[in-house]
PDB file of N, CA and C in Angstrom:
ATOM      1  N   MET A   1      -0.209   8.036  -7.384  1.00  0.00           N
ATOM      2  CA  MET A   1      -1.115   7.872  -8.514  1.00  0.00           C
ATOM      3  C   MET A   1      -2.673   8.354  -8.016  1.00  0.00           C
ATOM      4  N   VAL A   2      -3.349   9.064  -8.810  1.00  0.00           N
ATOM      5  CA  VAL A   2      -4.725   9.463  -8.443  1.00  0.00           C
ATOM      6  C   VAL A   2      -5.672   8.662  -9.467  1.00  0.00           C
ATOM      7  N   GLN A   3      -6.505   7.907  -8.916  1.00  0.00           N
ATOM      8  CA  GLN A   3      -7.422   6.957  -9.586  1.00  0.00           C
ATOM      9  C   GLN A   3      -8.670   7.685 -10.099  1.00  0.00           C
ATOM     10  N   SER A   4      -9.033   7.860 -11.417  1.00  0.00           N
ATOM     11  CA  SER A   4     -10.229   8.369 -11.793  1.00  0.00           C
ATOM     12  C   SER A   4     -11.411   7.456 -11.492  1.00  0.00           C
ATOM     13  N   ILE A   5     -12.425   8.039 -10.828  1.00  0.00           N
ATOM     14  CA  ILE A   5     -13.719   7.024 -10.461  1.00  0.00           C
ATOM     15  C   ILE A   5     -14.832   7.747 -11.268  1.00  0.00           C
ATOM     16  N   LYS A   6     -15.582   6.857 -11.884  1.00  0.00           N
ATOM     17  CA  LYS A   6     -16.623   7.175 -12.664  1.00  0.00           C
ATOM     18  C   LYS A   6     -18.008   6.893 -12.214  1.00  0.00           C
ATOM     19  N   ASP A   7     -18.074   6.013 -11.527  1.00  0.00           N
ATOM     20  CA  ASP A   7     -19.528   5.520 -10.813  1.00  0.00           C
ATOM     21  C   ASP A   7     -19.231   4.948  -9.459  1.00  0.00           C
ATOM     22  N   MET A   8     -20.554   4.683  -8.917  1.00  0.00           N
ATOM     23  CA  MET A   8     -20.420   3.984  -7.578  1.00  0.00           C
ATOM     24  C   MET A   8     -19.832   2.747  -7.256  1.00  0.00           C
ATOM     25  N   ASP A   9     -20.005   1.842  -8.478  1.00  0.00           N
ATOM     26  CA  ASP A   9     -19.387   0.617  -8.430  1.00  0.00           C
ATOM     27  C   ASP A   9     -17.828   0.562  -8.289  1.00  0.00           C
ATOM     28  N   GLU A  10     -17.352   1.519  -8.978  1.00  0.00           N
ATOM     29  CA  GLU A  10     -15.908   1.748  -9.125  1.00  0.00           C
ATOM     30  C   GLU A  10     -15.445   2.433  -7.791  1.00  0.00           C
ATOM     31  N   LEU A  11     -16.197   3.309  -7.113  1.00  0.00           N
ATOM     32  CA  LEU A  11     -16.013   3.712  -5.805  1.00  0.00           C
ATOM     33  C   LEU A  11     -15.941   2.841  -4.852  1.00  0.00           C
ATOM     34  N   LYS A  12     -16.909   2.040  -4.785  1.00  0.00           N
ATOM     35  CA  LYS A  12     -16.996   0.871  -3.821  1.00  0.00           C
ATOM     36  C   LYS A  12     -15.759  -0.117  -4.105  1.00  0.00           C
ATOM     37  N   THR A  13     -15.636  -0.499  -5.175  1.00  0.00           N
ATOM     38  CA  THR A  13     -14.455  -1.370  -5.416  1.00  0.00           C
ATOM     39  C   THR A  13     -13.116  -0.704  -4.850  1.00  0.00           C
ATOM     40  N   PHE A  14     -12.947   0.592  -5.163  1.00  0.00           N
ATOM     41  CA  PHE A  14     -11.785   1.349  -4.823  1.00  0.00           C
ATOM     42  C   PHE A  14     -11.623   1.399  -3.289  1.00  0.00           C
ATOM     43  N   LEU A  15     -12.633   1.684  -2.576  1.00  0.00           N
ATOM     44  CA  LEU A  15     -12.714   1.661  -1.182  1.00  0.00           C
ATOM     45  C   LEU A  15     -12.358   0.314  -0.559  1.00  0.00           C
ATOM     46  N   LYS A  16     -12.989  -0.630  -1.090  1.00  0.00           N
ATOM     47  CA  LYS A  16     -12.731  -1.980  -0.559  1.00  0.00           C
ATOM     48  C   LYS A  16     -11.086  -2.375  -0.739  1.00  0.00           C
ATOM     49  N   ALA A  17     -10.855  -2.056  -1.956  1.00  0.00           N
ATOM     50  CA  ALA A  17      -9.356  -2.566  -2.291  1.00  0.00           C
ATOM     51  C   ALA A  17      -8.528  -1.661  -1.271  1.00  0.00           C
ATOM     52  N   ALA A  18      -8.743  -0.518  -0.811  1.00  0.00           N
ATOM     53  CA  ALA A  18      -7.882   0.168   0.125  1.00  0.00           C
ATOM     54  C   ALA A  18      -7.591  -0.496   1.433  1.00  0.00           C
ATOM     55  N   GLY A  19      -8.540  -1.373   1.819  1.00  0.00           N
ATOM     56  CA  GLY A  19      -8.537  -2.114   3.135  1.00  0.00           C
ATOM     57  C   GLY A  19      -8.346  -1.194   4.218  1.00  0.00           C
ATOM     58  N   CYS A  20      -7.315  -1.177   5.062  1.00  0.00           N
ATOM     59  CA  CYS A  20      -7.088  -0.181   6.046  1.00  0.00           C
ATOM     60  C   CYS A  20      -6.346   1.124   5.766  1.00  0.00           C
ATOM     61  N   LYS A  21      -6.111   1.089   4.529  1.00  0.00           N
ATOM     62  CA  LYS A  21      -5.413   2.439   4.060  1.00  0.00           C
ATOM     63  C   LYS A  21      -6.281   3.450   4.235  1.00  0.00           C
ATOM     64  N   LEU A  22      -5.791   4.760   4.398  1.00  0.00           N
ATOM     65  CA  LEU A  22      -6.651   6.070   4.317  1.00  0.00           C
ATOM     66  C   LEU A  22      -6.731   6.278   2.820  1.00  0.00           C
ATOM     67  N   VAL A  23      -8.124   6.730   2.453  1.00  0.00           N
ATOM     68  CA  VAL A  23      -8.434   7.105   1.116  1.00  0.00           C
ATOM     69  C   VAL A  23      -8.877   8.542   1.165  1.00  0.00           C
ATOM     70  N   VAL A  24      -8.272   9.223   0.115  1.00  0.00           N
ATOM     71  CA  VAL A  24      -8.708  10.728  -0.273  1.00  0.00           C
ATOM     72  C   VAL A  24      -9.385  10.770  -1.552  1.00  0.00           C
ATOM     73  N   VAL A  25     -10.612  11.233  -1.467  1.00  0.00           N
ATOM     74  CA  VAL A  25     -11.297  11.364  -2.801  1.00  0.00           C
ATOM     75  C   VAL A  25     -11.558  12.966  -2.938  1.00  0.00           C
ATOM     76  N   GLU A  26     -11.074  13.378  -4.061  1.00  0.00           N
ATOM     77  CA  GLU A  26     -11.290  14.612  -4.406  1.00  0.00           C
ATOM     78  C   GLU A  26     -12.554  14.836  -5.350  1.00  0.00           C
ATOM     79  N   PHE A  27     -13.562  15.569  -5.175  1.00  0.00           N
ATOM     80  CA  PHE A  27     -14.598  15.760  -6.005  1.00  0.00           C
ATOM     81  C   PHE A  27     -14.354  17.150  -6.767  1.00  0.00           C
ATOM     82  N   SER A  28     -14.241  17.062  -8.004  1.00  0.00           N
ATOM     83  CA  SER A  28     -13.804  18.415  -8.733  1.00  0.00           C
ATOM     84  C   SER A  28     -14.521  18.385 -10.119  1.00  0.00           C
ATOM     85  N   ALA A  29     -14.252  19.482 -10.805  1.00  0.00           N
ATOM     86  CA  ALA A  29     -14.982  19.732 -12.154  1.00  0.00           C
ATOM     87  C   ALA A  29     -14.023  20.405 -13.128  1.00  0.00           C
ATOM     88  N   LYS A  30     -13.969  20.215 -14.353  1.00  0.00           N
ATOM     89  CA  LYS A  30     -13.123  20.529 -15.411  1.00  0.00           C
ATOM     90  C   LYS A  30     -13.095  22.056 -15.459  1.00  0.00           C
ATOM     91  N   TRP A  31     -14.222  22.800 -15.265  1.00  0.00           N
ATOM     92  CA  TRP A  31     -14.443  24.086 -15.480  1.00  0.00           C
ATOM     93  C   TRP A  31     -14.141  24.753 -14.183  1.00  0.00           C
ATOM     94  N   CYS A  32     -13.621  24.168 -13.049  1.00  0.00           N
ATOM     95  CA  CYS A  32     -13.153  24.887 -11.804  1.00  0.00           C
ATOM     96  C   CYS A  32     -11.802  25.124 -11.757  1.00  0.00           C
ATOM     97  N   GLY A  33     -11.600  26.455 -11.703  1.00  0.00           N
ATOM     98  CA  GLY A  33     -10.099  27.040 -11.681  1.00  0.00           C
ATOM     99  C   GLY A  33      -9.422  26.460 -10.511  1.00  0.00           C
ATOM    100  N   PRO A  34      -9.886  26.528  -9.244  1.00  0.00           N
ATOM    101  CA  PRO A  34      -9.166  26.195  -8.076  1.00  0.00           C
ATOM    102  C   PRO A  34      -8.921  24.423  -7.975  1.00  0.00           C
ATOM    103  N   CYS A  35      -9.899  23.804  -8.843  1.00  0.00           N
ATOM    104  CA  CYS A  35      -9.642  22.306  -8.798  1.00  0.00           C
ATOM    105  C   CYS A  35      -8.474  22.131  -9.628  1.00  0.00           C
ATOM    106  N   GLN A  36      -8.358  22.883 -10.775  1.00  0.00           N
ATOM    107  CA  GLN A  36      -7.282  22.704 -11.817  1.00  0.00           C
ATOM    108  C   GLN A  36      -5.965  23.019 -11.169  1.00  0.00           C
ATOM    109  N   ARG A  37      -5.937  24.176 -10.324  1.00  0.00           N
ATOM    110  CA  ARG A  37      -4.781  24.524  -9.482  1.00  0.00           C
ATOM    111  C   ARG A  37      -4.303  23.547  -8.521  1.00  0.00           C
ATOM    112  N   ILE A  38      -5.121  22.966  -7.807  1.00  0.00           N
ATOM    113  CA  ILE A  38      -4.861  21.944  -6.787  1.00  0.00           C
ATOM    114  C   ILE A  38      -4.568  20.594  -7.177  1.00  0.00           C
ATOM    115  N   TYR A  39      -5.031  20.228  -8.467  1.00  0.00           N
ATOM    116  CA  TYR A  39      -4.756  18.934  -8.879  1.00  0.00           C
ATOM    117  C   TYR A  39      -3.293  18.362  -9.145  1.00  0.00           C
ATOM    118  N   PRO A  40      -2.343  19.353  -9.442  1.00  0.00           N
ATOM    119  CA  PRO A  40      -0.972  18.612  -9.464  1.00  0.00           C
ATOM    120  C   PRO A  40      -0.503  18.545  -8.190  1.00  0.00           C
ATOM    121  N   LEU A  41      -0.971  19.352  -7.063  1.00  0.00           N
ATOM    122  CA  LEU A  41      -0.522  19.116  -5.762  1.00  0.00           C
ATOM    123  C   LEU A  41      -1.006  17.951  -5.247  1.00  0.00           C
ATOM    124  N   VAL A  42      -2.328  17.515  -5.534  1.00  0.00           N
ATOM    125  CA  VAL A  42      -2.892  16.273  -5.004  1.00  0.00           C
ATOM    126  C   VAL A  42      -2.087  15.119  -5.625  1.00  0.00           C
ATOM    127  N   HIS A  43      -1.917  15.368  -6.859  1.00  0.00           N
ATOM    128  CA  HIS A  43      -1.005  14.299  -7.614  1.00  0.00           C
ATOM    129  C   HIS A  43       0.349  14.045  -6.856  1.00  0.00           C
ATOM    130  N   ALA A  44       1.006  15.112  -6.492  1.00  0.00           N
ATOM    131  CA  ALA A  44       2.177  15.055  -5.872  1.00  0.00           C
ATOM    132  C   ALA A  44       2.210  14.463  -4.299  1.00  0.00           C
ATOM    133  N   MET A  45       1.063  14.730  -3.751  1.00  0.00           N
ATOM    134  CA  MET A  45       0.827  14.039  -2.461  1.00  0.00           C
ATOM    135  C   MET A  45       0.545  12.450  -2.836  1.00  0.00           C
ATOM    136  N   SER A  46      -0.089  12.185  -3.657  1.00  0.00           N
ATOM    137  CA  SER A  46      -0.250  10.678  -3.990  1.00  0.00           C
ATOM    138  C   SER A  46       0.970  10.012  -4.206  1.00  0.00           C
ATOM    139  N   LEU A  47       1.975  10.695  -4.684  1.00  0.00           N
ATOM    140  CA  LEU A  47       3.342  10.071  -4.866  1.00  0.00           C
ATOM    141  C   LEU A  47       4.102   9.872  -3.630  1.00  0.00           C
ATOM    142  N   LYS A  48       3.939  11.248  -2.851  1.00  0.00           N
ATOM    143  CA  LYS A  48       4.451  11.054  -1.549  1.00  0.00           C
ATOM    144  C   LYS A  48       4.059  10.136  -0.283  1.00  0.00           C
ATOM    145  N   TYR A  49       2.680  10.194  -0.346  1.00  0.00           N
ATOM    146  CA  TYR A  49       2.272   9.285   0.679  1.00  0.00           C
ATOM    147  C   TYR A  49       1.628   7.926   0.101  1.00  0.00           C
ATOM    148  N   GLN A  50       2.697   6.970  -0.162  1.00  0.00           N
ATOM    149  CA  GLN A  50       2.412   5.726  -0.760  1.00  0.00           C
ATOM    150  C   GLN A  50       1.393   4.820   0.103  1.00  0.00           C
ATOM    151  N   ASN A  51       1.184   5.191   1.250  1.00  0.00           N
ATOM    152  CA  ASN A  51       0.211   4.222   2.104  1.00  0.00           C
ATOM    153  C   ASN A  51      -1.072   5.076   2.267  1.00  0.00           C
ATOM    154  N   VAL A  52      -1.312   5.925   1.310  1.00  0.00           N
ATOM    155  CA  VAL A  52      -2.670   6.591   1.142  1.00  0.00           C
ATOM    156  C   VAL A  52      -3.131   6.408  -0.351  1.00  0.00           C
ATOM    157  N   MET A  53      -4.206   6.047  -0.419  1.00  0.00           N
ATOM    158  CA  MET A  53      -4.844   6.045  -1.726  1.00  0.00           C
ATOM    159  C   MET A  53      -5.626   7.166  -2.065  1.00  0.00           C
ATOM    160  N   PHE A  54      -5.468   7.655  -3.290  1.00  0.00           N
ATOM    161  CA  PHE A  54      -6.116   9.016  -3.900  1.00  0.00           C
ATOM    162  C   PHE A  54      -6.910   8.651  -5.125  1.00  0.00           C
ATOM    163  N   ALA A  55      -8.097   9.311  -5.093  1.00  0.00           N
ATOM    164  CA  ALA A  55      -8.918   9.247  -6.226  1.00  0.00           C
ATOM    165  C   ALA A  55      -9.611  10.661  -6.557  1.00  0.00           C
ATOM    166  N   ASN A  56     -10.063  10.647  -7.914  1.00  0.00           N
ATOM    167  CA  ASN A  56     -10.738  11.865  -8.142  1.00  0.00           C
ATOM    168  C   ASN A  56     -12.100  11.688  -8.899  1.00  0.00           C
ATOM    169  N   VAL A  57     -13.197  12.335  -8.666  1.00  0.00           N
ATOM    170  CA  VAL A  57     -14.536  12.037  -9.187  1.00  0.00           C
ATOM    171  C   VAL A  57     -14.789  13.686  -9.905  1.00  0.00           C
ATOM    172  N   ASP A  58     -15.091  13.415 -11.090  1.00  0.00           N
ATOM    173  CA  ASP A  58     -15.510  14.666 -11.821  1.00  0.00           C
ATOM    174  C   ASP A  58     -17.016  14.627 -11.561  1.00  0.00           C
ATOM    175  N   VAL A  59     -17.533  15.696 -11.066  1.00  0.00           N
ATOM    176  CA  VAL A  59     -18.800  15.850 -10.558  1.00  0.00           C
ATOM    177  C   VAL A  59     -19.856  16.004 -11.685  1.00  0.00           C
ATOM    178  N   ASP A  60     -19.363  16.464 -12.892  1.00  0.00           N
ATOM    179  CA  ASP A  60     -20.139  16.632 -14.030  1.00  0.00           C
ATOM    180  C   ASP A  60     -20.424  15.257 -14.620  1.00  0.00           C
ATOM    181  N   ALA A  61     -19.355  14.462 -14.735  1.00  0.00           N
ATOM    182  CA  ALA A  61     -19.305  13.112 -15.413  1.00  0.00           C
ATOM    183  C   ALA A  61     -19.999  12.087 -14.363  1.00  0.00           C
ATOM    184  N   SER A  62     -19.988  12.453 -13.099  1.00  0.00           N
ATOM    185  CA  SER A  62     -20.508  11.504 -12.175  1.00  0.00           C
ATOM    186  C   SER A  62     -21.485  12.124 -11.104  1.00  0.00           C
ATOM    187  N   GLN A  63     -22.575  12.642 -11.672  1.00  0.00           N
ATOM    188  CA  GLN A  63     -23.515  13.450 -10.864  1.00  0.00           C
ATOM    189  C   GLN A  63     -24.103  12.732  -9.925  1.00  0.00           C
ATOM    190  N   GLU A  64     -24.353  11.408 -10.216  1.00  0.00           N
ATOM    191  CA  GLU A  64     -24.938  10.559  -9.093  1.00  0.00           C
ATOM    192  C   GLU A  64     -24.063  10.528  -7.786  1.00  0.00           C
ATOM    193  N   LEU A  65     -22.706  10.245  -8.098  1.00  0.00           N
ATOM    194  CA  LEU A  65     -21.739  10.233  -6.833  1.00  0.00           C
ATOM    195  C   LEU A  65     -21.703  11.377  -6.253  1.00  0.00           C
ATOM    196  N   ALA A  66     -21.824  12.610  -6.820  1.00  0.00           N
ATOM    197  CA  ALA A  66     -21.907  13.879  -6.330  1.00  0.00           C
ATOM    198  C   ALA A  66     -23.058  14.170  -5.318  1.00  0.00           C
ATOM    199  N   GLN A  67     -24.246  13.564  -5.760  1.00  0.00           N
ATOM    200  CA  GLN A  67     -25.291  13.766  -5.162  1.00  0.00           C
ATOM    201  C   GLN A  67     -25.389  12.855  -3.777  1.00  0.00           C
ATOM    202  N   ILE A  68     -24.856  11.564  -4.080  1.00  0.00           N
ATOM    203  CA  ILE A  68     -24.962  10.506  -3.056  1.00  0.00           C
ATOM    204  C   ILE A  68     -24.144  11.147  -1.852  1.00  0.00           C
ATOM    205  N   TYR A  69     -22.920  11.532  -2.211  1.00  0.00           N
ATOM    206  CA  TYR A  69     -22.037  12.085  -1.159  1.00  0.00           C
ATOM    207  C   TYR A  69     -22.078  13.405  -0.781  1.00  0.00           C
ATOM    208  N   HIS A  70     -23.174  14.118  -1.307  1.00  0.00           N
ATOM    209  CA  HIS A  70     -23.575  15.366  -0.658  1.00  0.00           C
ATOM    210  C   HIS A  70     -22.674  16.574  -1.083  1.00  0.00           C
ATOM    211  N   VAL A  71     -21.995  16.475  -2.155  1.00  0.00           N
ATOM    212  CA  VAL A  71     -20.974  17.486  -2.553  1.00  0.00           C
ATOM    213  C   VAL A  71     -21.783  18.767  -2.994  1.00  0.00           C
ATOM    214  N   LYS A  72     -21.525  19.868  -2.326  1.00  0.00           N
ATOM    215  CA  LYS A  72     -22.083  21.161  -2.652  1.00  0.00           C
ATOM    216  C   LYS A  72     -21.341  22.265  -3.328  1.00  0.00           C
ATOM    217  N   ALA A  73     -20.066  21.926  -3.204  1.00  0.00           N
ATOM    218  CA  ALA A  73     -19.034  22.646  -3.908  1.00  0.00           C
ATOM    219  C   ALA A  73     -17.825  22.089  -4.195  1.00  0.00           C
ATOM    220  N   VAL A  74     -16.971  22.579  -5.225  1.00  0.00           N
ATOM    221  CA  VAL A  74     -15.942  21.986  -5.618  1.00  0.00           C
ATOM    222  C   VAL A  74     -14.633  22.884  -5.544  1.00  0.00           C
ATOM    223  N   PRO A  75     -13.391  22.249  -5.236  1.00  0.00           N
ATOM    224  CA  PRO A  75     -13.190  21.150  -4.878  1.00  0.00           C
ATOM    225  C   PRO A  75     -13.702  20.609  -3.455  1.00  0.00           C
ATOM    226  N   THR A  76     -14.331  19.431  -3.277  1.00  0.00           N
ATOM    227  CA  THR A  76     -14.508  18.925  -1.876  1.00  0.00           C
ATOM    228  C   THR A  76     -13.549  17.689  -1.981  1.00  0.00           C
ATOM    229  N   PHE A  77     -13.040  17.487  -0.660  1.00  0.00           N
ATOM    230  CA  PHE A  77     -12.194  16.360  -0.433  1.00  0.00           C
ATOM    231  C   PHE A  77     -12.789  15.605   0.846  1.00  0.00           C
ATOM    232  N   GLN A  78     -13.074  14.166   0.384  1.00  0.00           N
ATOM    233  CA  GLN A  78     -13.592  13.501   1.465  1.00  0.00           C
ATOM    234  C   GLN A  78     -12.602  12.357   1.855  1.00  0.00           C
ATOM    235  N   MET A  79     -12.426  12.013   2.991  1.00  0.00           N
ATOM    236  CA  MET A  79     -11.381  11.052   3.524  1.00  0.00           C
ATOM    237  C   MET A  79     -12.322   9.761   4.046  1.00  0.00           C
ATOM    238  N   PHE A  80     -11.747   8.687   3.684  1.00  0.00           N
ATOM    239  CA  PHE A  80     -12.351   7.428   4.056  1.00  0.00           C
ATOM    240  C   PHE A  80     -11.530   6.447   4.852  1.00  0.00           C
ATOM    241  N   LYS A  81     -11.914   5.719   5.634  1.00  0.00           N
ATOM    242  CA  LYS A  81     -11.052   4.659   6.372  1.00  0.00           C
ATOM    243  C   LYS A  81     -11.948   3.392   6.394  1.00  0.00           C
ATOM    244  N   GLN A  82     -11.429   2.395   5.888  1.00  0.00           N
ATOM    245  CA  GLN A  82     -12.315   1.079   5.904  1.00  0.00           C
ATOM    246  C   GLN A  82     -13.717   1.324   5.475  1.00  0.00           C
ATOM    247  N   THR A  83     -13.808   1.954   4.221  1.00  0.00           N
ATOM    248  CA  THR A  83     -14.999   2.274   3.620  1.00  0.00           C
ATOM    249  C   THR A  83     -15.907   3.394   4.253  1.00  0.00           C
ATOM    250  N   GLN A  84     -15.630   3.911   5.380  1.00  0.00           N
ATOM    251  CA  GLN A  84     -16.479   4.889   6.027  1.00  0.00           C
ATOM    252  C   GLN A  84     -15.797   6.282   5.959  1.00  0.00           C
ATOM    253  N   LYS A  85     -16.647   7.094   5.612  1.00  0.00           N
ATOM    254  CA  LYS A  85     -16.283   8.635   5.489  1.00  0.00           C
ATOM    255  C   LYS A  85     -15.839   9.238   6.906  1.00  0.00           C
ATOM    256  N   ILE A  86     -14.671   9.730   7.042  1.00  0.00           N
ATOM    257  CA  ILE A  86     -14.142  10.048   8.597  1.00  0.00           C
ATOM    258  C   ILE A  86     -13.900  11.596   8.685  1.00  0.00           C
ATOM    259  N   PHE A  87     -13.939  12.291   7.382  1.00  0.00           N
ATOM    260  CA  PHE A  87     -13.625  13.628   7.360  1.00  0.00           C
ATOM    261  C   PHE A  87     -13.949  14.276   5.907  1.00  0.00           C
ATOM    262  N   GLU A  88     -14.307  15.415   5.961  1.00  0.00           N
ATOM    263  CA  GLU A  88     -14.513  16.147   4.727  1.00  0.00           C
ATOM    264  C   GLU A  88     -14.307  17.698   4.868  1.00  0.00           C
ATOM    265  N   PHE A  89     -13.916  18.274   3.660  1.00  0.00           N
ATOM    266  CA  PHE A  89     -13.655  19.661   3.724  1.00  0.00           C
ATOM    267  C   PHE A  89     -13.792  20.205   2.256  1.00  0.00           C
ATOM    268  N   CYS A  90     -14.217  21.468   2.130  1.00  0.00           N
ATOM    269  CA  CYS A  90     -14.246  22.126   0.890  1.00  0.00           C
ATOM    270  C   CYS A  90     -13.230  23.158   0.672  1.00  0.00           C
ATOM    271  N   GLY A  91     -12.779  23.321  -0.605  1.00  0.00           N
ATOM    272  CA  GLY A  91     -11.711  24.324  -0.858  1.00  0.00           C
ATOM    273  C   GLY A  91     -10.526  23.829  -1.387  1.00  0.00           C
ATOM    274  N   ALA A  92      -9.763  24.555  -2.105  1.00  0.00           N
ATOM    275  CA  ALA A  92      -8.348  24.321  -2.624  1.00  0.00           C
ATOM    276  C   ALA A  92      -7.268  24.582  -1.787  1.00  0.00           C
ATOM    277  N   ASP A  93      -7.405  24.245  -0.687  1.00  0.00           N
ATOM    278  CA  ASP A  93      -6.174  24.590   0.380  1.00  0.00           C
ATOM    279  C   ASP A  93      -5.213  23.375   0.514  1.00  0.00           C
ATOM    280  N   ALA A  94      -4.162  23.338  -0.252  1.00  0.00           N
ATOM    281  CA  ALA A  94      -3.230  22.237  -0.205  1.00  0.00           C
ATOM    282  C   ALA A  94      -2.528  22.050   1.155  1.00  0.00           C
ATOM    283  N   GLN A  95      -2.216  23.223   1.867  1.00  0.00           N
ATOM    284  CA  GLN A  95      -1.744  22.884   3.111  1.00  0.00           C
ATOM    285  C   GLN A  95      -2.668  22.248   4.244  1.00  0.00           C
ATOM    286  N   LYS A  96      -3.785  22.565   4.113  1.00  0.00           N
ATOM    287  CA  LYS A  96      -4.864  22.069   5.016  1.00  0.00           C
ATOM    288  C   LYS A  96      -5.008  20.492   4.733  1.00  0.00           C
ATOM    289  N   LEU A  97      -5.217  20.238   3.392  1.00  0.00           N
ATOM    290  CA  LEU A  97      -5.273  18.902   2.865  1.00  0.00           C
ATOM    291  C   LEU A  97      -4.041  18.013   3.358  1.00  0.00           C
ATOM    292  N   GLU A  98      -2.803  18.420   3.247  1.00  0.00           N
ATOM    293  CA  GLU A  98      -1.737  17.669   3.523  1.00  0.00           C
ATOM    294  C   GLU A  98      -1.660  17.602   5.125  1.00  0.00           C
ATOM    295  N   ALA A  99      -1.950  18.634   5.741  1.00  0.00           N
ATOM    296  CA  ALA A  99      -1.986  18.624   7.387  1.00  0.00           C
ATOM    297  C   ALA A  99      -2.905  17.624   7.755  1.00  0.00           C
ATOM    298  N   LYS A 100      -4.266  17.457   7.346  1.00  0.00           N
ATOM    299  CA  LYS A 100      -5.238  16.509   7.561  1.00  0.00           C
ATOM    300  C   LYS A 100      -4.763  15.175   7.139  1.00  0.00           C
ATOM    301  N   ILE A 101      -4.076  14.910   6.163  1.00  0.00           N
ATOM    302  CA  ILE A 101      -3.746  13.681   5.726  1.00  0.00           C
ATOM    303  C   ILE A 101      -2.625  13.174   6.775  1.00  0.00           C
ATOM    304  N   GLN A 102      -1.646  14.081   7.046  1.00  0.00           N
ATOM    305  CA  GLN A 102      -0.701  13.624   8.027  1.00  0.00           C
ATOM    306  C   GLN A 102      -1.439  13.426   9.479  1.00  0.00           C
ATOM    307  N   GLU A 103      -2.305  14.116   9.820  1.00  0.00           N
ATOM    308  CA  GLU A 103      -3.026  13.905  11.053  1.00  0.00           C
ATOM    309  C   GLU A 103      -3.726  12.524  11.144  1.00  0.00           C
ATOM    310  N   LEU A 104      -4.293  12.223  10.060  1.00  0.00           N
ATOM    311  CA  LEU A 104      -5.120  11.098  10.086  1.00  0.00           C
ATOM    312  C   LEU A 104      -4.268   9.750  10.131  1.00  0.00           C
ATOM    313  N   ILE A 105      -3.084  10.049   9.273  1.00  0.00           N
ATOM    314  CA  ILE A 105      -2.064   8.733   9.311  1.00  0.00           C
ATOM    315  C   ILE A 105      -1.732   8.599  10.781  1.00  0.00           C
ATOM    316  N   GLU A 106      -1.195   9.716  11.354  1.00  0.00           N
ATOM    317  CA  GLU A 106      -0.649   9.747  12.807  1.00  0.00           C
ATOM    318  C   GLU A 106      -1.606   8.970  13.858  1.00  0.00           C
ATOM    319  N   TYR A 107      -2.854   9.418  13.579  1.00  0.00           N
ATOM    320  CA  TYR A 107      -4.065   8.926  14.455  1.00  0.00           C
ATOM    321  C   TYR A 107      -4.217   7.455  14.226  1.00  0.00           C
ATOM    322  N   CYS A 108      -4.285   7.210  12.904  1.00  0.00           N
ATOM    323  CA  CYS A 108      -4.457   5.757  12.781  1.00  0.00           C
ATOM    324  C   CYS A 108      -3.223   4.728  13.080  1.00  0.00           C
ATOM    325  N   ASN A 109      -2.182   5.343  12.878  1.00  0.00           N
ATOM    326  CA  ASN A 109      -1.013   4.571  13.386  1.00  0.00           C
ATOM    327  C   ASN A 109      -0.733   4.451  14.907  1.00  0.00           C
ATOM    328  N   ALA A 110      -1.155   5.448  15.523  1.00  0.00           N
ATOM    329  CA  ALA A 110      -1.015   5.441  17.001  1.00  0.00           C
ATOM    330  C   ALA A 110      -2.401   4.381  17.549  1.00  0.00           C
ATOM    331  N   ARG A 111      -3.306   4.484  16.752  1.00  0.00           N
ATOM    332  CA  ARG A 111      -4.408   3.479  17.190  1.00  0.00           C
ATOM    333  C   ARG A 111      -4.196   2.011  16.987  1.00  0.00           C
ATOM    334  N   LEU A 112      -3.556   1.869  15.672  1.00  0.00           N
ATOM    335  CA  LEU A 112      -3.125   0.561  15.364  1.00  0.00           C
ATOM    336  C   LEU A 112      -1.950   0.123  16.429  1.00  0.00           C
ATOM    337  N   GLY A 113      -1.043   0.915  16.959  1.00  0.00           N
ATOM    338  CA  GLY A 113       0.052   0.731  17.770  1.00  0.00           C
ATOM    339  C   GLY A 113      -0.807   0.155  19.203  1.00  0.00           C
ATOM    340  N   PHE A 114      -1.722   0.963  19.560  1.00  0.00           N
ATOM    341  CA  PHE A 114      -2.393   0.645  20.647  1.00  0.00           C
ATOM    342  C   PHE A 114      -3.081  -0.628  20.816  1.00  0.00           C
ATOM    343  N   LEU A 115      -3.853  -0.967  19.603  1.00  0.00           N
ATOM    344  CA  LEU A 115      -4.464  -2.241  19.355  1.00  0.00           C
ATOM    345  C   LEU A 115      -3.559  -3.280  19.281  1.00  0.00           C
ATOM    346  N   LEU A 116      -2.208  -3.315  18.713  1.00  0.00           N
ATOM    347  CA  LEU A 116      -1.282  -4.315  18.716  1.00  0.00           C
ATOM    348  C   LEU A 116      -0.754  -4.577  20.102  1.00  0.00           C
ATOM    349  N   THR A 117      -0.568  -3.604  20.961  1.00  0.00           N
ATOM    350  CA  THR A 117      -0.322  -3.744  22.307  1.00  0.00           C
ATOM    351  C   THR A 117      -1.192  -4.534  23.227  1.00  0.00           C
ATOM    352  N   LEU A 118      -2.467  -4.203  22.852  1.00  0.00           N
ATOM    353  CA  LEU A 118      -3.537  -5.017  23.587  1.00  0.00           C
ATOM    354  C   LEU A 118      -3.605  -6.381  23.049  1.00  0.00           C
ATOM    355  N   CYS A 119      -3.266  -6.716  21.965  1.00  0.00           N
ATOM    356  CA  CYS A 119      -3.236  -7.962  21.459  1.00  0.00           C
ATOM    357  C   CYS A 119      -2.098  -8.899  21.906  1.00  0.00           C
ATOM    358  N   SER A 120      -0.933  -8.302  22.257  1.00  0.00           N
ATOM    359  CA  SER A 120       0.249  -9.003  22.385  1.00  0.00           C
ATOM    360  C   SER A 120       0.279  -9.555  23.887  1.00  0.00           C
TER     361      SER A 120
END
C-alpha cells in the first residue's frame, strides 16, 4: 500500500512509524505523465516488498514538503532509513527503483546480521 502524505507532520509520523524499515517516498504531480505511468508499478512494489513502507507526496498539494526536501523534478524518489534520507533519484525508471530497493534491503539486512553477530 502507498500512503498519501499531505504535510510535514504526516511525513514525520510516517517515518517514525517505519522504525527500522526502509521507506520509499515518491514526489509526483497529477499533471506529470511519467508519474502517472510509474504509479501502478510503485503500488505493485508496495505489495511485493512488505518490509518496505511506501508513500506518495503530490508536490502541488504539498509545496512545502517539495521545497523542504529540495524536489526539483518529478517523479523524485527519496529513500529513508530511521528517518534519515539515504538515497535519492529522479525519473520514472521502475527497474532502477526496484534494483535500488533490493540493494538497500540487502545492505541493511547484511548490516543487521553483522551487528547481531557482534552482540552475541
